[in-house]
Amino acid sequence: MSLIDDELARAEAQSVERRQQLAKTAVALQSRLKPSALARDAVEELKEVGGDLARSGIAAVRRNPLTVVGVATAITAFVARKPIIRLFRRNPSKARKD
């Protein structure tokens, strides 16, 4: 065998090996890109992020409890503003009638 034949045989063997590697990679990608696998990965990521957010939120509440109470009161007052306004409007009108 000549040098050219040896190099050609090595190149063909290398080509077969690379094609096999490419086929394995393609199969791995197909399994990772299935909708069920993507959904499972997304749920796991959301669990991790949600847990981290909850822990950081609890730590913030422990550091600033009065601020949290103030913000919660402001949000509650905003959400219930119409009933609160009606409550305060009724009392003065009843006091005038008596």
N, C-alpha and C. Protein backbone atom coordinates (compact mmCIF):
# COMPACT_ATOMS: atom_id res chain seq x y z
N MET A 1 0.83 -1.18 0.00
CA MET A 1 0.00 0.00 0.00
C MET A 1 0.87 1.24 0.00
N SER A 2 0.40 2.21 -0.69
CA SER A 2 1.18 3.44 -0.76
C SER A 2 0.73 4.40 0.34
N LEU A 3 1.44 5.46 0.46
CA LEU A 3 1.15 6.50 1.46
C LEU A 3 -0.23 7.11 1.20
N ILE A 4 -0.57 7.30 -0.04
CA ILE A 4 -1.87 7.88 -0.39
C ILE A 4 -2.99 6.93 0.02
N ASP A 5 -2.81 5.63 -0.20
CA ASP A 5 -3.83 4.65 0.19
C ASP A 5 -4.02 4.63 1.71
N ASP A 6 -2.90 4.73 2.45
CA ASP A 6 -2.99 4.76 3.92
C ASP A 6 -3.76 5.99 4.40
N GLU A 7 -3.45 7.13 3.83
CA GLU A 7 -4.13 8.37 4.23
C GLU A 7 -5.60 8.32 3.86
N LEU A 8 -5.91 7.75 2.71
CA LEU A 8 -7.29 7.63 2.28
C LEU A 8 -8.06 6.71 3.22
N ALA A 9 -7.46 5.61 3.63
CA ALA A 9 -8.12 4.67 4.55
C ALA A 9 -8.36 5.35 5.90
N ARG A 10 -7.37 6.12 6.40
CA ARG A 10 -7.53 6.86 7.67
C ARG A 10 -8.63 7.90 7.56
N ALA A 11 -8.67 8.59 6.44
CA ALA A 11 -9.68 9.63 6.25
C ALA A 11 -11.08 9.01 6.19
N GLU A 12 -11.21 7.87 5.54
CA GLU A 12 -12.52 7.21 5.48
C GLU A 12 -12.94 6.73 6.86
N ALA A 13 -12.01 6.17 7.62
CA ALA A 13 -12.33 5.71 8.98
C ALA A 13 -12.73 6.89 9.86
N GLN A 14 -12.01 7.98 9.72
CA GLN A 14 -12.33 9.18 10.48
C GLN A 14 -13.70 9.73 10.07
N SER A 15 -14.01 9.67 8.81
CA SER A 15 -15.29 10.12 8.31
C SER A 15 -16.43 9.30 8.90
N VAL A 16 -16.25 7.98 8.94
CA VAL A 16 -17.28 7.10 9.52
C VAL A 16 -17.46 7.43 11.00
N GLU A 17 -16.36 7.61 11.71
CA GLU A 17 -16.42 7.92 13.15
C GLU A 17 -17.14 9.25 13.38
N ARG A 18 -16.82 10.26 12.59
CA ARG A 18 -17.47 11.58 12.74
C ARG A 18 -18.96 11.52 12.43
N ARG A 19 -19.32 10.73 11.42
CA ARG A 19 -20.75 10.57 11.09
C ARG A 19 -21.50 9.91 12.25
N GLN A 20 -20.86 8.92 12.87
CA GLN A 20 -21.49 8.27 14.03
C GLN A 20 -21.66 9.27 15.18
N GLN A 21 -20.65 10.10 15.42
CA GLN A 21 -20.75 11.12 16.46
C GLN A 21 -21.87 12.11 16.14
N LEU A 22 -21.96 12.49 14.89
CA LEU A 22 -23.01 13.42 14.47
C LEU A 22 -24.39 12.80 14.65
N ALA A 23 -24.54 11.53 14.33
CA ALA A 23 -25.82 10.84 14.51
C ALA A 23 -26.19 10.78 15.98
N LYS A 24 -25.22 10.50 16.86
CA LYS A 24 -25.49 10.48 18.30
C LYS A 24 -25.92 11.86 18.80
N THR A 25 -25.26 12.88 18.30
CA THR A 25 -25.60 14.24 18.69
C THR A 25 -27.01 14.61 18.23
N ALA A 26 -27.36 14.20 17.02
CA ALA A 26 -28.69 14.48 16.48
C ALA A 26 -29.76 13.79 17.31
N VAL A 27 -29.53 12.56 17.72
CA VAL A 27 -30.49 11.82 18.55
C VAL A 27 -30.63 12.52 19.90
N ALA A 28 -29.51 12.93 20.48
CA ALA A 28 -29.57 13.62 21.77
C ALA A 28 -30.34 14.93 21.66
N LEU A 29 -30.11 15.67 20.59
CA LEU A 29 -30.84 16.92 20.40
C LEU A 29 -32.33 16.68 20.20
N GLN A 30 -32.68 15.66 19.44
CA GLN A 30 -34.09 15.36 19.23
C GLN A 30 -34.78 15.02 20.55
N SER A 31 -34.12 14.27 21.40
CA SER A 31 -34.75 13.91 22.67
C SER A 31 -34.87 15.12 23.59
N ARG A 32 -33.92 16.04 23.53
CA ARG A 32 -33.98 17.24 24.37
C ARG A 32 -34.97 18.26 23.85
N LEU A 33 -35.28 18.22 22.56
CA LEU A 33 -36.19 19.20 21.97
C LEU A 33 -37.63 18.72 21.88
N LYS A 34 -37.93 17.57 22.46
CA LYS A 34 -39.32 17.10 22.50
C LYS A 34 -40.12 18.06 23.38
N PRO A 35 -41.35 18.34 23.03
CA PRO A 35 -42.17 19.25 23.84
C PRO A 35 -42.27 18.82 25.30
N SER A 36 -42.40 17.53 25.55
CA SER A 36 -42.50 17.07 26.94
C SER A 36 -41.21 17.34 27.71
N ALA A 37 -40.07 17.16 27.06
CA ALA A 37 -38.80 17.42 27.72
C ALA A 37 -38.62 18.91 27.97
N LEU A 38 -39.01 19.73 26.99
CA LEU A 38 -38.91 21.18 27.17
C LEU A 38 -39.82 21.65 28.29
N ALA A 39 -41.03 21.11 28.35
CA ALA A 39 -41.97 21.49 29.41
C ALA A 39 -41.43 21.09 30.77
N ARG A 40 -40.88 19.89 30.86
CA ARG A 40 -40.31 19.41 32.13
C ARG A 40 -39.17 20.31 32.57
N ASP A 41 -38.30 20.67 31.65
CA ASP A 41 -37.18 21.55 31.98
C ASP A 41 -37.68 22.92 32.43
N ALA A 42 -38.71 23.43 31.76
CA ALA A 42 -39.26 24.74 32.12
C ALA A 42 -39.87 24.71 33.52
N VAL A 43 -40.57 23.64 33.85
CA VAL A 43 -41.18 23.52 35.17
C VAL A 43 -40.09 23.46 36.24
N GLU A 44 -39.06 22.71 35.99
CA GLU A 44 -37.96 22.62 36.96
C GLU A 44 -37.31 23.98 37.16
N GLU A 45 -37.10 24.71 36.08
CA GLU A 45 -36.49 26.04 36.17
C GLU A 45 -37.40 26.99 36.95
N LEU A 46 -38.70 26.93 36.70
CA LEU A 46 -39.64 27.78 37.42
C LEU A 46 -39.66 27.45 38.90
N LYS A 47 -39.55 26.17 39.24
CA LYS A 47 -39.50 25.78 40.65
C LYS A 47 -38.28 26.39 41.33
N GLU A 48 -37.15 26.31 40.66
CA GLU A 48 -35.92 26.86 41.24
C GLU A 48 -36.01 28.37 41.41
N VAL A 49 -36.49 29.05 40.36
CA VAL A 49 -36.60 30.51 40.41
C VAL A 49 -37.63 30.92 41.46
N GLY A 50 -38.76 30.22 41.51
CA GLY A 50 -39.80 30.53 42.50
C GLY A 50 -39.29 30.35 43.92
N GLY A 51 -38.54 29.29 44.14
CA GLY A 51 -37.96 29.06 45.47
C GLY A 51 -36.98 30.16 45.84
N ASP A 52 -36.16 30.56 44.90
CA ASP A 52 -35.20 31.63 45.16
C ASP A 52 -35.92 32.95 45.46
N LEU A 53 -36.97 33.24 44.69
CA LEU A 53 -37.73 34.47 44.93
C LEU A 53 -38.41 34.44 46.29
N ALA A 54 -38.96 33.30 46.66
CA ALA A 54 -39.62 33.19 47.96
C ALA A 54 -38.61 33.40 49.09
N ARG A 55 -37.45 32.79 48.97
CA ARG A 55 -36.44 32.95 50.02
C ARG A 55 -35.97 34.40 50.12
N SER A 56 -35.75 35.05 48.99
CA SER A 56 -35.31 36.44 49.03
C SER A 56 -36.43 37.34 49.54
N GLY A 57 -37.69 37.02 49.22
CA GLY A 57 -38.81 37.80 49.73
C GLY A 57 -38.94 37.67 51.23
N ILE A 58 -38.78 36.48 51.75
CA ILE A 58 -38.86 36.27 53.20
C ILE A 58 -37.73 37.02 53.89
N ALA A 59 -36.56 36.98 53.31
CA ALA A 59 -35.42 37.71 53.91
C ALA A 59 -35.70 39.21 53.90
N ALA A 60 -36.30 39.73 52.84
CA ALA A 60 -36.62 41.16 52.77
C ALA A 60 -37.66 41.53 53.82
N VAL A 61 -38.64 40.68 54.02
CA VAL A 61 -39.66 40.95 55.04
C VAL A 61 -39.03 40.96 56.43
N ARG A 62 -38.12 40.06 56.67
CA ARG A 62 -37.46 40.02 57.98
C ARG A 62 -36.60 41.26 58.20
N ARG A 63 -36.00 41.77 57.14
CA ARG A 63 -35.16 42.97 57.28
C ARG A 63 -36.00 44.24 57.43
N ASN A 64 -37.15 44.30 56.77
CA ASN A 64 -37.97 45.52 56.74
C ASN A 64 -39.44 45.22 57.01
N PRO A 65 -39.80 44.77 58.20
CA PRO A 65 -41.20 44.39 58.43
C PRO A 65 -42.16 45.59 58.36
N LEU A 66 -41.76 46.75 58.84
CA LEU A 66 -42.65 47.92 58.82
C LEU A 66 -42.91 48.39 57.39
N THR A 67 -41.90 48.35 56.57
CA THR A 67 -42.07 48.73 55.17
C THR A 67 -43.06 47.81 54.48
N VAL A 68 -42.95 46.53 54.74
CA VAL A 68 -43.85 45.56 54.13
C VAL A 68 -45.28 45.78 54.60
N VAL A 69 -45.45 46.06 55.88
CA VAL A 69 -46.79 46.33 56.41
C VAL A 69 -47.36 47.59 55.75
N GLY A 70 -46.54 48.61 55.60
CA GLY A 70 -46.98 49.84 54.96
C GLY A 70 -47.39 49.63 53.52
N VAL A 71 -46.60 48.89 52.79
CA VAL A 71 -46.91 48.61 51.38
C VAL A 71 -48.19 47.78 51.29
N ALA A 72 -48.32 46.77 52.15
CA ALA A 72 -49.53 45.93 52.13
C ALA A 72 -50.76 46.76 52.47
N THR A 73 -50.63 47.69 53.41
CA THR A 73 -51.75 48.56 53.77
C THR A 73 -52.12 49.46 52.60
N ALA A 74 -51.12 50.02 51.94
CA ALA A 74 -51.38 50.90 50.80
C ALA A 74 -52.06 50.14 49.66
N ILE A 75 -51.61 48.95 49.39
CA ILE A 75 -52.23 48.14 48.33
C ILE A 75 -53.66 47.79 48.69
N THR A 76 -53.88 47.40 49.94
CA THR A 76 -55.23 47.06 50.39
C THR A 76 -56.15 48.27 50.30
N ALA A 77 -55.65 49.43 50.72
CA ALA A 77 -56.45 50.64 50.65
C ALA A 77 -56.77 51.00 49.20
N PHE A 78 -55.83 50.80 48.31
CA PHE A 78 -56.08 51.10 46.90
C PHE A 78 -57.13 50.16 46.32
N VAL A 79 -57.00 48.88 46.62
CA VAL A 79 -57.93 47.89 46.08
C VAL A 79 -59.33 48.11 46.65
N ALA A 80 -59.42 48.45 47.93
CA ALA A 80 -60.72 48.62 48.58
C ALA A 80 -61.11 50.09 48.71
N ARG A 81 -60.60 50.94 47.84
CA ARG A 81 -60.83 52.38 47.98
C ARG A 81 -62.30 52.78 47.88
N LYS A 82 -63.05 52.16 46.98
CA LYS A 82 -64.45 52.55 46.82
C LYS A 82 -65.28 52.20 48.06
N PRO A 83 -65.17 50.98 48.58
CA PRO A 83 -65.93 50.70 49.81
C PRO A 83 -65.49 51.58 50.99
N ILE A 84 -64.21 51.88 51.07
CA ILE A 84 -63.71 52.74 52.16
C ILE A 84 -64.28 54.14 52.02
N ILE A 85 -64.30 54.67 50.81
CA ILE A 85 -64.86 56.01 50.57
C ILE A 85 -66.33 56.03 50.93
N ARG A 86 -67.08 54.99 50.53
CA ARG A 86 -68.50 54.92 50.87
C ARG A 86 -68.70 54.85 52.38
N LEU A 87 -67.85 54.14 53.06
CA LEU A 87 -67.95 54.02 54.51
C LEU A 87 -67.80 55.38 55.18
N PHE A 88 -66.84 56.16 54.75
CA PHE A 88 -66.61 57.47 55.36
C PHE A 88 -67.66 58.49 54.93
N ARG A 89 -68.24 58.32 53.77
CA ARG A 89 -69.28 59.25 53.33
C ARG A 89 -70.59 59.00 54.08
N ARG A 90 -70.90 57.79 54.47
CA ARG A 90 -72.15 57.48 55.15
C ARG A 90 -72.17 58.04 56.56
N ASN A 91 -71.09 57.96 57.27
CA ASN A 91 -71.08 58.38 58.68
C ASN A 91 -71.40 59.87 58.85
N PRO A 92 -70.80 60.79 58.10
CA PRO A 92 -71.15 62.20 58.31
C PRO A 92 -72.61 62.49 57.96
N SER A 93 -73.18 61.86 56.99
CA SER A 93 -74.57 62.13 56.64
C SER A 93 -75.50 61.60 57.71
N LYS A 94 -75.17 60.47 58.36
CA LYS A 94 -75.98 59.97 59.46
C LYS A 94 -75.89 60.86 60.67
N ALA A 95 -74.72 61.40 60.91
CA ALA A 95 -74.54 62.29 62.07
C ALA A 95 -75.35 63.57 61.89
N ARG A 96 -75.51 64.08 60.70
CA ARG A 96 -76.27 65.29 60.45
C ARG A 96 -77.77 65.06 60.65
N LYS A 97 -78.26 63.88 60.30
CA LYS A 97 -79.68 63.57 60.42
C LYS A 97 -80.10 63.44 61.88
N ASP A 98 -79.21 62.99 62.75
CA ASP A 98 -79.57 62.77 64.16
C ASP A 98 -79.67 64.01 64.95
